[in-house]
Amino acid sequence: MNWIKNFVRPRFPSVFQEKEDTPDNLWINCSECGEMIFHRDVELLQKVCPGCDNHMRMNTEERLKQIFGDNSYEMIDVPEVPHDPLKFKDQKKYADRLKEARAKTGKRDAVSVAVGNIDTQKAVVAIQDFSFMGGSLGMAAGEAVVRAGETALQRNLPLVLIAAAGGARMQEGILSLMQMPRTTVVVQEMRERGLPYIVVLTDPTTGGVTASYGMLGDIQIAEPNALIGFAGPRVIEDTIRETLPEGFQRAEYLLEHGMIDMVVHRHQLRETLARVIALLVDPNGPSAVAAE
């Protein structure tokens, strides 16, 4: 405040009325084309850029809304695991990194599990959230995937897994790598029971997730232009000392080379999942006729 505001009252009070700061999250900048998109439009478009069709990353709540729509769903509790089994520390303590990630996302770890109706088809859905430490596969994430499979087995339901990960969680060392065979076992149990296991690969899905449950689905679906692979393109180029083909490790390249079954736009994902589940659960049902 200065003496003009304090002692010389204006005839119109609005002259010195301070403007409220505009929230800095009203507009979202597309990482691909740079287009500015109003936040409400981003929500309506399910975080797909209207200019270049770039599929932006989604958090757990956004995925739940996308997959289940207006249908209600039940969240499944995941067993607790040791907080910091190796007492790991690099630039900061692993325990502190976990606290920061939990405070930022409101999640216990990277994978959440829910049961509900995808349109008319009931299924167990496991969602990997990249915003939680890059969706990395650690003990808690592995336990969540195993619990998702066990829930599907107990309730005789198909399992849909939305994958997004930068790989195994290095702060848990060998304990994180052990989650690869553990999750593979529960997927095999579902296969022996004849229950569908559908994987949706989003950007990015790499490392130990791709090397285990991420590529074991009965049906492999990917979002457009999703990065899918084990090692990153730069690592591969440095190793083999060759220039990789254009689009290498992207969803469309993998579809062309038979690594996945389909690339599905986010706006059609829910109906596609419902149709695929209906076909796998009852191949002779009404959905089979509609598909023809």
C-alpha atoms as a PDB file:
ATOM      1  CA  MET A   1       0.000   0.000   0.000  1.00  0.00           C
ATOM      2  CA  ASN A   2       1.173   3.555  -0.727  1.00  0.00           C
ATOM      3  CA  TRP A   3      -0.073   6.923   0.547  1.00  0.00           C
ATOM      4  CA  ILE A   4      -2.371   7.408  -2.476  1.00  0.00           C
ATOM      5  CA  LYS A   5      -4.264   4.210  -1.705  1.00  0.00           C
ATOM      6  CA  ASN A   6      -4.244   4.886   2.031  1.00  0.00           C
ATOM      7  CA  PHE A   7      -5.314   8.514   2.103  1.00  0.00           C
ATOM      8  CA  VAL A   8      -6.601   9.641  -1.311  1.00  0.00           C
ATOM      9  CA  ARG A   9      -9.706   7.535  -1.814  1.00  0.00           C
ATOM     10  CA  PRO A  10     -10.694   7.351  -5.506  1.00  0.00           C
ATOM     11  CA  ARG A  11     -14.194   8.202  -6.662  1.00  0.00           C
ATOM     12  CA  PHE A  12     -14.407   4.780  -8.243  1.00  0.00           C
ATOM     13  CA  PRO A  13     -13.043   2.100  -5.903  1.00  0.00           C
ATOM     14  CA  SER A  14     -12.276  -0.230  -8.786  1.00  0.00           C
ATOM     15  CA  VAL A  15      -9.412   2.050  -9.874  1.00  0.00           C
ATOM     16  CA  PHE A  16      -7.080   0.603  -7.273  1.00  0.00           C
ATOM     17  CA  GLN A  17      -8.689  -2.798  -7.016  1.00  0.00           C
ATOM     18  CA  GLU A  18      -5.994  -5.392  -7.383  1.00  0.00           C
ATOM     19  CA  LYS A  19      -6.600  -8.000 -10.064  1.00  0.00           C
ATOM     20  CA  GLU A  20      -6.672 -11.620  -9.015  1.00  0.00           C
ATOM     21  CA  ASP A  21      -3.883 -13.755 -10.403  1.00  0.00           C
ATOM     22  CA  THR A  22      -4.969 -16.038 -13.213  1.00  0.00           C
ATOM     23  CA  PRO A  23      -4.341 -19.706 -12.370  1.00  0.00           C
ATOM     24  CA  ASP A  24      -1.396 -21.041 -14.332  1.00  0.00           C
ATOM     25  CA  ASN A  25      -3.096 -24.361 -15.093  1.00  0.00           C
ATOM     26  CA  LEU A  26      -5.976 -23.070 -17.228  1.00  0.00           C
ATOM     27  CA  TRP A  27      -4.100 -23.803 -20.439  1.00  0.00           C
ATOM     28  CA  ILE A  28      -2.136 -26.931 -21.284  1.00  0.00           C
ATOM     29  CA  ASN A  29       0.658 -26.906 -23.823  1.00  0.00           C
ATOM     30  CA  CYS A  30       0.820 -29.904 -26.179  1.00  0.00           C
ATOM     31  CA  SER A  31       4.288 -31.441 -25.988  1.00  0.00           C
ATOM     32  CA  GLU A  32       4.216 -32.402 -29.680  1.00  0.00           C
ATOM     33  CA  CYS A  33       2.825 -29.439 -31.625  1.00  0.00           C
ATOM     34  CA  GLY A  34       2.912 -26.730 -28.944  1.00  0.00           C
ATOM     35  CA  GLU A  35      -0.785 -25.877 -29.278  1.00  0.00           C
ATOM     36  CA  MET A  36      -2.349 -24.238 -26.213  1.00  0.00           C
ATOM     37  CA  ILE A  37      -5.488 -26.103 -25.127  1.00  0.00           C
ATOM     38  CA  PHE A  38      -8.011 -24.901 -22.540  1.00  0.00           C
ATOM     39  CA  HIS A  39      -8.074 -27.283 -19.578  1.00  0.00           C
ATOM     40  CA  ARG A  40     -11.800 -28.048 -19.889  1.00  0.00           C
ATOM     41  CA  ASP A  41     -11.332 -28.985 -23.532  1.00  0.00           C
ATOM     42  CA  VAL A  42      -8.457 -31.264 -22.535  1.00  0.00           C
ATOM     43  CA  GLU A  43     -10.747 -33.103 -20.117  1.00  0.00           C
ATOM     44  CA  LEU A  44     -13.521 -33.446 -22.714  1.00  0.00           C
ATOM     45  CA  LEU A  45     -11.017 -34.739 -25.280  1.00  0.00           C
ATOM     46  CA  GLN A  46      -9.565 -37.262 -22.781  1.00  0.00           C
ATOM     47  CA  LYS A  47      -6.178 -35.523 -23.042  1.00  0.00           C
ATOM     48  CA  VAL A  48      -5.891 -35.905 -26.808  1.00  0.00           C
ATOM     49  CA  CYS A  49      -4.564 -32.851 -28.647  1.00  0.00           C
ATOM     50  CA  PRO A  50      -7.141 -31.586 -31.193  1.00  0.00           C
ATOM     51  CA  GLY A  51      -4.372 -30.227 -33.402  1.00  0.00           C
ATOM     52  CA  CYS A  52      -1.942 -33.136 -33.817  1.00  0.00           C
ATOM     53  CA  ASP A  53      -3.855 -36.015 -32.118  1.00  0.00           C
ATOM     54  CA  ASN A  54      -1.073 -36.430 -29.555  1.00  0.00           C
ATOM     55  CA  HIS A  55      -2.147 -38.763 -26.730  1.00  0.00           C
ATOM     56  CA  MET A  56      -0.975 -37.105 -23.519  1.00  0.00           C
ATOM     57  CA  ARG A  57      -0.249 -39.095 -20.384  1.00  0.00           C
ATOM     58  CA  MET A  58      -3.145 -39.744 -18.020  1.00  0.00           C
ATOM     59  CA  ASN A  59      -3.129 -40.286 -14.252  1.00  0.00           C
ATOM     60  CA  THR A  60      -5.023 -43.022 -12.428  1.00  0.00           C
ATOM     61  CA  GLU A  61      -8.237 -41.060 -11.873  1.00  0.00           C
ATOM     62  CA  GLU A  62      -8.384 -39.997 -15.520  1.00  0.00           C
ATOM     63  CA  ARG A  63      -7.873 -43.602 -16.647  1.00  0.00           C
ATOM     64  CA  LEU A  64     -10.592 -44.875 -14.322  1.00  0.00           C
ATOM     65  CA  LYS A  65     -13.027 -42.335 -15.744  1.00  0.00           C
ATOM     66  CA  GLN A  66     -11.987 -43.205 -19.297  1.00  0.00           C
ATOM     67  CA  ILE A  67     -12.316 -46.970 -18.848  1.00  0.00           C
ATOM     68  CA  PHE A  68     -15.443 -47.158 -16.682  1.00  0.00           C
ATOM     69  CA  GLY A  69     -17.239 -44.014 -17.861  1.00  0.00           C
ATOM     70  CA  ASP A  70     -20.302 -43.336 -15.718  1.00  0.00           C
ATOM     71  CA  ASN A  71     -20.302 -46.864 -14.284  1.00  0.00           C
ATOM     72  CA  SER A  72     -19.376 -47.300 -10.640  1.00  0.00           C
ATOM     73  CA  TYR A  73     -16.331 -49.366  -9.726  1.00  0.00           C
ATOM     74  CA  GLU A  74     -14.789 -50.975  -6.659  1.00  0.00           C
ATOM     75  CA  MET A  75     -11.193 -50.252  -5.688  1.00  0.00           C
ATOM     76  CA  ILE A  76      -9.244 -53.324  -4.573  1.00  0.00           C
ATOM     77  CA  ASP A  77      -6.884 -53.061  -1.610  1.00  0.00           C
ATOM     78  CA  VAL A  78      -3.276 -54.006  -2.289  1.00  0.00           C
ATOM     79  CA  PRO A  79      -1.172 -55.609   0.466  1.00  0.00           C
ATOM     80  CA  GLU A  80       1.493 -53.491   2.134  1.00  0.00           C
ATOM     81  CA  VAL A  81       5.132 -54.215   1.316  1.00  0.00           C
ATOM     82  CA  PRO A  82       8.373 -53.221   3.108  1.00  0.00           C
ATOM     83  CA  HIS A  83       8.806 -49.461   2.847  1.00  0.00           C
ATOM     84  CA  ASP A  84      12.520 -49.284   2.020  1.00  0.00           C
ATOM     85  CA  PRO A  85      13.913 -52.844   2.120  1.00  0.00           C
ATOM     86  CA  LEU A  86      17.466 -52.005   1.000  1.00  0.00           C
ATOM     87  CA  LYS A  87      17.794 -48.639   2.819  1.00  0.00           C
ATOM     88  CA  PHE A  88      18.816 -47.257  -0.560  1.00  0.00           C
ATOM     89  CA  LYS A  89      20.248 -43.780  -1.009  1.00  0.00           C
ATOM     90  CA  ASP A  90      21.560 -41.990  -4.085  1.00  0.00           C
ATOM     91  CA  GLN A  91      21.236 -38.204  -4.282  1.00  0.00           C
ATOM     92  CA  LYS A  92      18.513 -38.568  -1.662  1.00  0.00           C
ATOM     93  CA  LYS A  93      17.013 -41.366   0.396  1.00  0.00           C
ATOM     94  CA  TYR A  94      14.609 -43.728  -1.341  1.00  0.00           C
ATOM     95  CA  ALA A  95      12.226 -43.280   1.588  1.00  0.00           C
ATOM     96  CA  ASP A  96      12.152 -39.537   0.880  1.00  0.00           C
ATOM     97  CA  ARG A  97      11.488 -40.147  -2.822  1.00  0.00           C
ATOM     98  CA  LEU A  98       8.539 -42.350  -1.898  1.00  0.00           C
ATOM     99  CA  LYS A  99       7.131 -39.689   0.432  1.00  0.00           C
ATOM    100  CA  GLU A 100       7.395 -37.051  -2.301  1.00  0.00           C
ATOM    101  CA  ALA A 101       5.724 -39.289  -4.893  1.00  0.00           C
ATOM    102  CA  ARG A 102       2.900 -40.177  -2.502  1.00  0.00           C
ATOM    103  CA  ALA A 103       2.339 -36.543  -1.580  1.00  0.00           C
ATOM    104  CA  LYS A 104       2.333 -35.508  -5.243  1.00  0.00           C
ATOM    105  CA  THR A 105      -0.014 -38.215  -6.554  1.00  0.00           C
ATOM    106  CA  GLY A 106      -2.043 -39.201  -3.498  1.00  0.00           C
ATOM    107  CA  LYS A 107      -1.267 -42.848  -4.322  1.00  0.00           C
ATOM    108  CA  ARG A 108       0.533 -45.494  -2.300  1.00  0.00           C
ATOM    109  CA  ASP A 109       2.408 -46.663  -5.389  1.00  0.00           C
ATOM    110  CA  ALA A 110       2.344 -46.844  -9.171  1.00  0.00           C
ATOM    111  CA  VAL A 111      -0.349 -49.513  -9.741  1.00  0.00           C
ATOM    112  CA  SER A 112      -4.014 -49.313  -8.694  1.00  0.00           C
ATOM    113  CA  VAL A 113      -6.620 -52.061  -9.101  1.00  0.00           C
ATOM    114  CA  ALA A 114     -10.376 -51.721  -9.613  1.00  0.00           C
ATOM    115  CA  VAL A 115     -13.344 -53.896 -10.565  1.00  0.00           C
ATOM    116  CA  GLY A 116     -16.271 -52.576 -12.578  1.00  0.00           C
ATOM    117  CA  ASN A 117     -18.193 -52.627 -15.833  1.00  0.00           C
ATOM    118  CA  ILE A 118     -16.508 -51.566 -19.070  1.00  0.00           C
ATOM    119  CA  ASP A 119     -19.738 -50.706 -20.847  1.00  0.00           C
ATOM    120  CA  THR A 120     -21.610 -53.977 -20.195  1.00  0.00           C
ATOM    121  CA  GLN A 121     -18.591 -56.223 -19.586  1.00  0.00           C
ATOM    122  CA  LYS A 122     -17.385 -56.687 -16.013  1.00  0.00           C
ATOM    123  CA  ALA A 123     -13.619 -56.864 -15.590  1.00  0.00           C
ATOM    124  CA  VAL A 124     -10.706 -56.313 -13.243  1.00  0.00           C
ATOM    125  CA  VAL A 125      -8.598 -53.332 -14.318  1.00  0.00           C
ATOM    126  CA  ALA A 126      -5.025 -52.617 -13.202  1.00  0.00           C
ATOM    127  CA  ILE A 127      -3.709 -49.131 -13.987  1.00  0.00           C
ATOM    128  CA  GLN A 128      -0.047 -48.165 -13.958  1.00  0.00           C
ATOM    129  CA  ASP A 129       0.472 -44.455 -13.263  1.00  0.00           C
ATOM    130  CA  PHE A 130       3.583 -42.952 -14.883  1.00  0.00           C
ATOM    131  CA  SER A 131       3.384 -39.903 -12.628  1.00  0.00           C
ATOM    132  CA  PHE A 132       4.377 -42.096  -9.657  1.00  0.00           C
ATOM    133  CA  MET A 133       8.156 -42.457 -10.048  1.00  0.00           C
ATOM    134  CA  GLY A 134       7.820 -43.132 -13.763  1.00  0.00           C
ATOM    135  CA  GLY A 135       5.405 -46.027 -13.162  1.00  0.00           C
ATOM    136  CA  SER A 136       8.447 -48.069 -12.152  1.00  0.00           C
ATOM    137  CA  LEU A 137       7.992 -51.727 -11.231  1.00  0.00           C
ATOM    138  CA  GLY A 138       8.854 -52.322  -7.599  1.00  0.00           C
ATOM    139  CA  MET A 139       7.593 -54.626  -4.873  1.00  0.00           C
ATOM    140  CA  ALA A 140       4.365 -52.667  -4.355  1.00  0.00           C
ATOM    141  CA  ALA A 141       3.592 -52.461  -8.088  1.00  0.00           C
ATOM    142  CA  GLY A 142       4.337 -56.168  -8.525  1.00  0.00           C
ATOM    143  CA  GLU A 143       2.108 -57.009  -5.575  1.00  0.00           C
ATOM    144  CA  ALA A 144      -0.687 -54.928  -7.113  1.00  0.00           C
ATOM    145  CA  VAL A 145      -0.449 -56.752 -10.459  1.00  0.00           C
ATOM    146  CA  VAL A 146      -0.463 -60.105  -8.658  1.00  0.00           C
ATOM    147  CA  ARG A 147      -3.484 -59.017  -6.579  1.00  0.00           C
ATOM    148  CA  ALA A 148      -5.256 -57.950  -9.788  1.00  0.00           C
ATOM    149  CA  GLY A 149      -4.677 -61.405 -11.271  1.00  0.00           C
ATOM    150  CA  GLU A 150      -5.761 -63.151  -8.066  1.00  0.00           C
ATOM    151  CA  THR A 151      -8.935 -61.049  -7.954  1.00  0.00           C
ATOM    152  CA  ALA A 152      -9.690 -61.981 -11.564  1.00  0.00           C
ATOM    153  CA  LEU A 153      -9.162 -65.668 -10.713  1.00  0.00           C
ATOM    154  CA  GLN A 154     -11.333 -65.497  -7.581  1.00  0.00           C
ATOM    155  CA  ARG A 155     -14.192 -63.705  -9.328  1.00  0.00           C
ATOM    156  CA  ASN A 156     -13.792 -65.497 -12.652  1.00  0.00           C
ATOM    157  CA  LEU A 157     -13.349 -62.205 -14.523  1.00  0.00           C
ATOM    158  CA  PRO A 158     -11.098 -60.993 -17.340  1.00  0.00           C
ATOM    159  CA  LEU A 159      -8.152 -58.740 -16.493  1.00  0.00           C
ATOM    160  CA  VAL A 160      -7.315 -55.523 -18.337  1.00  0.00           C
ATOM    161  CA  LEU A 161      -3.932 -53.975 -17.588  1.00  0.00           C
ATOM    162  CA  ILE A 162      -3.091 -50.397 -18.607  1.00  0.00           C
ATOM    163  CA  ALA A 163       0.700 -50.312 -18.757  1.00  0.00           C
ATOM    164  CA  ALA A 164       2.922 -47.228 -18.496  1.00  0.00           C
ATOM    165  CA  ALA A 165       6.414 -47.589 -17.082  1.00  0.00           C
ATOM    166  CA  GLY A 166      10.030 -46.611 -17.374  1.00  0.00           C
ATOM    167  CA  GLY A 167      11.182 -50.050 -16.182  1.00  0.00           C
ATOM    168  CA  ALA A 168      12.092 -51.724 -12.906  1.00  0.00           C
ATOM    169  CA  ARG A 169      12.671 -49.589  -9.800  1.00  0.00           C
ATOM    170  CA  MET A 170      16.421 -49.446  -9.320  1.00  0.00           C
ATOM    171  CA  GLN A 171      16.140 -48.430  -5.649  1.00  0.00           C
ATOM    172  CA  GLU A 172      14.806 -51.912  -4.825  1.00  0.00           C
ATOM    173  CA  GLY A 173      17.483 -53.799  -6.760  1.00  0.00           C
ATOM    174  CA  ILE A 174      16.918 -57.532  -7.178  1.00  0.00           C
ATOM    175  CA  LEU A 175      13.632 -57.290  -5.283  1.00  0.00           C
ATOM    176  CA  SER A 176      12.156 -55.262  -8.134  1.00  0.00           C
ATOM    177  CA  LEU A 177      13.443 -57.736 -10.741  1.00  0.00           C
ATOM    178  CA  MET A 178      11.772 -60.565  -8.825  1.00  0.00           C
ATOM    179  CA  GLN A 179       8.405 -59.019  -9.679  1.00  0.00           C
ATOM    180  CA  MET A 180       8.873 -59.999 -13.335  1.00  0.00           C
ATOM    181  CA  PRO A 181       8.559 -63.788 -12.757  1.00  0.00           C
ATOM    182  CA  ARG A 182       5.935 -63.284 -10.017  1.00  0.00           C
ATOM    183  CA  THR A 183       3.599 -61.393 -12.342  1.00  0.00           C
ATOM    184  CA  THR A 184       4.306 -63.837 -15.163  1.00  0.00           C
ATOM    185  CA  VAL A 185       3.136 -66.725 -12.960  1.00  0.00           C
ATOM    186  CA  VAL A 186      -0.246 -65.138 -12.223  1.00  0.00           C
ATOM    187  CA  VAL A 187      -0.752 -64.392 -15.941  1.00  0.00           C
ATOM    188  CA  GLN A 188      -0.072 -68.073 -16.674  1.00  0.00           C
ATOM    189  CA  GLU A 189      -2.618 -69.090 -14.026  1.00  0.00           C
ATOM    190  CA  MET A 190      -5.226 -66.948 -15.781  1.00  0.00           C
ATOM    191  CA  ARG A 191      -4.354 -68.551 -19.108  1.00  0.00           C
ATOM    192  CA  GLU A 192      -4.772 -72.043 -17.632  1.00  0.00           C
ATOM    193  CA  ARG A 193      -8.195 -71.030 -16.285  1.00  0.00           C
ATOM    194  CA  GLY A 194      -9.193 -69.654 -19.700  1.00  0.00           C
ATOM    195  CA  LEU A 195      -9.697 -66.089 -18.454  1.00  0.00           C
ATOM    196  CA  PRO A 196      -8.887 -63.260 -20.888  1.00  0.00           C
ATOM    197  CA  TYR A 197      -5.875 -61.062 -20.163  1.00  0.00           C
ATOM    198  CA  ILE A 198      -5.782 -57.855 -22.219  1.00  0.00           C
ATOM    199  CA  VAL A 199      -2.895 -55.388 -22.138  1.00  0.00           C
ATOM    200  CA  VAL A 200      -3.154 -51.743 -23.200  1.00  0.00           C
ATOM    201  CA  LEU A 201       0.304 -50.308 -23.858  1.00  0.00           C
ATOM    202  CA  THR A 202       0.552 -46.540 -23.397  1.00  0.00           C
ATOM    203  CA  ASP A 203       3.384 -44.061 -23.752  1.00  0.00           C
ATOM    204  CA  PRO A 204       5.894 -45.094 -22.554  1.00  0.00           C
ATOM    205  CA  THR A 205       6.025 -48.815 -21.725  1.00  0.00           C
ATOM    206  CA  THR A 206       9.622 -49.949 -21.392  1.00  0.00           C
ATOM    207  CA  GLY A 207      12.101 -52.032 -19.390  1.00  0.00           C
ATOM    208  CA  GLY A 208      11.056 -54.848 -17.085  1.00  0.00           C
ATOM    209  CA  VAL A 209       7.348 -54.260 -17.670  1.00  0.00           C
ATOM    210  CA  THR A 210       7.765 -54.913 -21.393  1.00  0.00           C
ATOM    211  CA  ALA A 211       9.939 -57.924 -20.546  1.00  0.00           C
ATOM    212  CA  SER A 212       7.233 -59.501 -18.370  1.00  0.00           C
ATOM    213  CA  TYR A 213       3.483 -58.983 -18.005  1.00  0.00           C
ATOM    214  CA  GLY A 214       3.379 -56.080 -20.473  1.00  0.00           C
ATOM    215  CA  MET A 215       3.769 -58.347 -23.516  1.00  0.00           C
ATOM    216  CA  LEU A 216       1.893 -61.456 -22.341  1.00  0.00           C
ATOM    217  CA  GLY A 217      -1.660 -60.423 -23.137  1.00  0.00           C
ATOM    218  CA  ASP A 218      -4.062 -62.568 -25.117  1.00  0.00           C
ATOM    219  CA  ILE A 219      -4.731 -59.321 -26.954  1.00  0.00           C
ATOM    220  CA  GLN A 220      -2.119 -56.546 -27.143  1.00  0.00           C
ATOM    221  CA  ILE A 221      -3.567 -53.069 -27.702  1.00  0.00           C
ATOM    222  CA  ALA A 222      -1.532 -49.874 -27.961  1.00  0.00           C
ATOM    223  CA  GLU A 223      -2.389 -46.190 -28.028  1.00  0.00           C
ATOM    224  CA  PRO A 224      -1.225 -44.279 -31.135  1.00  0.00           C
ATOM    225  CA  ASN A 225       2.491 -43.388 -31.249  1.00  0.00           C
ATOM    226  CA  ALA A 226       3.173 -44.980 -27.848  1.00  0.00           C
ATOM    227  CA  LEU A 227       6.833 -45.761 -27.168  1.00  0.00           C
ATOM    228  CA  ILE A 228       7.091 -49.499 -26.479  1.00  0.00           C
ATOM    229  CA  GLY A 229      10.312 -51.422 -26.012  1.00  0.00           C
ATOM    230  CA  PHE A 230      12.903 -52.759 -23.607  1.00  0.00           C
ATOM    231  CA  ALA A 231      15.961 -50.516 -23.955  1.00  0.00           C
ATOM    232  CA  GLY A 232      15.567 -46.978 -25.270  1.00  0.00           C
ATOM    233  CA  PRO A 233      16.349 -46.075 -28.906  1.00  0.00           C
ATOM    234  CA  ARG A 234      19.498 -44.118 -27.990  1.00  0.00           C
ATOM    235  CA  VAL A 235      20.892 -47.047 -25.999  1.00  0.00           C
ATOM    236  CA  ILE A 236      20.240 -49.410 -28.905  1.00  0.00           C
ATOM    237  CA  GLU A 237      21.854 -47.074 -31.441  1.00  0.00           C
ATOM    238  CA  ASP A 238      24.934 -46.649 -29.248  1.00  0.00           C
ATOM    239  CA  THR A 239      25.166 -50.429 -28.797  1.00  0.00           C
ATOM    240  CA  ILE A 240      24.752 -51.597 -32.403  1.00  0.00           C
ATOM    241  CA  ARG A 241      26.211 -48.395 -33.903  1.00  0.00           C
ATOM    242  CA  GLU A 242      23.507 -48.173 -36.543  1.00  0.00           C
ATOM    243  CA  THR A 243      20.739 -45.701 -37.255  1.00  0.00           C
ATOM    244  CA  LEU A 244      17.350 -47.125 -36.332  1.00  0.00           C
ATOM    245  CA  PRO A 245      14.409 -47.060 -38.779  1.00  0.00           C
ATOM    246  CA  GLU A 246      12.033 -44.121 -38.524  1.00  0.00           C
ATOM    247  CA  GLY A 247       9.252 -44.788 -36.026  1.00  0.00           C
ATOM    248  CA  PHE A 248      11.211 -47.621 -34.409  1.00  0.00           C
ATOM    249  CA  GLN A 249       9.607 -48.792 -31.115  1.00  0.00           C
ATOM    250  CA  ARG A 250       6.458 -46.799 -31.770  1.00  0.00           C
ATOM    251  CA  ALA A 251       3.046 -48.493 -31.672  1.00  0.00           C
ATOM    252  CA  GLU A 252       2.473 -48.362 -35.430  1.00  0.00           C
ATOM    253  CA  TYR A 253       5.912 -49.899 -36.129  1.00  0.00           C
ATOM    254  CA  LEU A 254       5.218 -52.746 -33.704  1.00  0.00           C
ATOM    255  CA  LEU A 255       1.806 -53.350 -35.275  1.00  0.00           C
ATOM    256  CA  GLU A 256       3.378 -53.523 -38.738  1.00  0.00           C
ATOM    257  CA  HIS A 257       5.921 -56.094 -37.481  1.00  0.00           C
ATOM    258  CA  GLY A 258       3.420 -58.280 -35.628  1.00  0.00           C
ATOM    259  CA  MET A 259       4.383 -57.394 -32.046  1.00  0.00           C
ATOM    260  CA  ILE A 260       0.931 -56.082 -31.106  1.00  0.00           C
ATOM    261  CA  ASP A 261      -2.598 -56.794 -32.315  1.00  0.00           C
ATOM    262  CA  MET A 262      -4.100 -53.339 -32.767  1.00  0.00           C
ATOM    263  CA  VAL A 263      -3.552 -49.615 -32.317  1.00  0.00           C
ATOM    264  CA  VAL A 264      -6.676 -48.004 -30.876  1.00  0.00           C
ATOM    265  CA  HIS A 265      -7.445 -44.312 -30.506  1.00  0.00           C
ATOM    266  CA  ARG A 266      -8.189 -43.328 -26.927  1.00  0.00           C
ATOM    267  CA  HIS A 267     -11.711 -42.211 -27.816  1.00  0.00           C
ATOM    268  CA  GLN A 268     -12.537 -45.735 -29.037  1.00  0.00           C
ATOM    269  CA  LEU A 269     -10.679 -47.642 -26.314  1.00  0.00           C
ATOM    270  CA  ARG A 270     -13.599 -48.340 -23.969  1.00  0.00           C
ATOM    271  CA  GLU A 271     -15.906 -49.742 -26.648  1.00  0.00           C
ATOM    272  CA  THR A 272     -13.012 -51.729 -28.131  1.00  0.00           C
ATOM    273  CA  LEU A 273     -12.209 -53.303 -24.761  1.00  0.00           C
ATOM    274  CA  ALA A 274     -15.865 -54.185 -24.202  1.00  0.00           C
ATOM    275  CA  ARG A 275     -16.130 -55.775 -27.650  1.00  0.00           C
ATOM    276  CA  VAL A 276     -12.880 -57.751 -27.258  1.00  0.00           C
ATOM    277  CA  ILE A 277     -13.888 -59.009 -23.809  1.00  0.00           C
ATOM    278  CA  ALA A 278     -17.282 -60.089 -25.133  1.00  0.00           C
ATOM    279  CA  LEU A 279     -15.609 -62.014 -27.963  1.00  0.00           C
ATOM    280  CA  LEU A 280     -13.104 -63.730 -25.672  1.00  0.00           C
ATOM    281  CA  VAL A 281     -15.613 -64.608 -22.967  1.00  0.00           C
ATOM    282  CA  ASP A 282     -18.321 -65.824 -25.379  1.00  0.00           C
ATOM    283  CA  PRO A 283     -17.072 -66.206 -28.991  1.00  0.00           C
ATOM    284  CA  ASN A 284     -20.581 -67.187 -30.157  1.00  0.00           C
ATOM    285  CA  GLY A 285     -22.356 -64.295 -28.454  1.00  0.00           C
ATOM    286  CA  PRO A 286     -24.085 -61.309 -30.114  1.00  0.00           C
ATOM    287  CA  SER A 287     -20.806 -59.336 -30.246  1.00  0.00           C
ATOM    288  CA  ALA A 288     -19.362 -61.924 -32.644  1.00  0.00           C
ATOM    289  CA  VAL A 289     -22.165 -61.263 -35.102  1.00  0.00           C
ATOM    290  CA  ALA A 290     -21.711 -57.494 -34.718  1.00  0.00           C
ATOM    291  CA  ALA A 291     -17.965 -57.831 -35.326  1.00  0.00           C
ATOM    292  CA  GLU A 292     -18.575 -59.647 -38.612  1.00  0.00           C
END
